[in-house]
Amino acid sequence: MPDLLLKAKEYVRQHHPELADVEPTAAQPAQGVTVFTFRKEFATPDGYKITLAVRVTVGDDGTVVKAAT
């Protein structure tokens, strides 16, 4: 799984650099794929808090199958 984690982190670093320092949670909802969820809370200029979550699904072969924000 470390190689899959590196692939997910690389994807997030390229597409969502504001989440580059986040350690994701991992789940295996089906055989052959691992889903990594990156979450970070931000404050808006008005003081409200919002959470940015990005889910990256990586296949066992190391390819990013799907990503959702």
Protein backbone atom coordinates (compact mmCIF):
# COMPACT_ATOMS: atom_id res chain seq x y z
CA MET A 1 0.00 0.00 0.00
CA PRO A 2 2.89 2.49 0.40
CA ASP A 3 3.24 2.73 -3.39
CA LEU A 4 -0.50 3.38 -3.71
CA LEU A 5 -0.27 6.05 -1.03
CA LEU A 6 2.56 7.73 -2.94
CA LYS A 7 0.46 7.73 -6.13
CA ALA A 8 -2.49 9.31 -4.28
CA LYS A 9 -0.26 11.94 -2.66
CA GLU A 10 1.33 12.75 -6.03
CA TYR A 11 -2.11 13.26 -7.58
CA VAL A 12 -3.22 15.53 -4.74
CA ARG A 13 0.03 17.50 -4.87
CA GLN A 14 -0.53 18.18 -8.58
CA HIS A 15 -4.27 18.92 -8.51
CA HIS A 16 -4.89 20.24 -4.98
CA PRO A 17 -1.61 21.65 -3.62
CA GLU A 18 -3.39 23.10 -0.58
CA LEU A 19 -3.81 19.50 0.65
CA ALA A 20 -0.22 18.41 -0.01
CA ASP A 21 0.64 18.31 3.71
CA VAL A 22 -2.40 16.21 4.72
CA GLU A 23 -2.09 12.55 5.70
CA PRO A 24 -5.08 10.69 4.23
CA THR A 25 -7.28 7.98 5.63
CA ALA A 26 -7.45 4.78 3.59
CA ALA A 27 -10.22 2.27 2.90
CA GLN A 28 -10.60 -0.74 0.62
CA PRO A 29 -14.28 -0.78 -0.38
CA ALA A 30 -13.70 -3.43 -3.05
CA GLN A 31 -10.98 -5.81 -4.03
CA GLY A 32 -8.48 -4.20 -6.35
CA VAL A 33 -8.94 -0.57 -5.28
CA THR A 34 -7.97 1.64 -2.34
CA VAL A 35 -9.68 4.94 -1.58
CA PHE A 36 -7.63 7.68 0.07
CA THR A 37 -9.50 10.61 1.61
CA PHE A 38 -7.68 13.89 2.19
CA ARG A 39 -9.46 16.43 4.44
CA LYS A 40 -8.50 19.89 5.62
CA GLU A 41 -10.47 22.66 7.30
CA PHE A 42 -10.15 26.24 6.08
CA ALA A 43 -11.51 29.54 7.38
CA THR A 44 -13.29 31.86 4.97
CA PRO A 45 -12.68 35.62 5.07
CA ASP A 46 -16.01 35.89 6.96
CA GLY A 47 -14.73 33.53 9.65
CA TYR A 48 -16.79 30.50 8.64
CA LYS A 49 -15.09 27.13 8.57
CA ILE A 50 -15.31 24.90 5.51
CA THR A 51 -13.85 21.47 4.92
CA LEU A 52 -12.19 20.55 1.66
CA ALA A 53 -12.27 16.81 1.05
CA VAL A 54 -10.69 15.00 -1.89
CA ARG A 55 -11.13 11.26 -2.45
CA VAL A 56 -8.62 9.52 -4.69
CA THR A 57 -9.32 5.96 -5.81
CA VAL A 58 -6.18 4.07 -6.78
CA GLY A 59 -6.15 0.65 -8.45
CA ASP A 60 -3.83 -2.12 -7.29
CA ASP A 61 -1.67 -1.40 -10.34
CA GLY A 62 -1.05 2.16 -9.09
CA THR A 63 -3.27 4.03 -11.54
CA VAL A 64 -5.63 6.73 -10.32
CA VAL A 65 -9.03 5.35 -11.26
CA LYS A 66 -11.15 8.23 -9.97
CA ALA A 67 -10.88 11.46 -8.01
CA ALA A 68 -13.68 13.51 -6.46
CA THR A 69 -13.77 16.80 -4.61
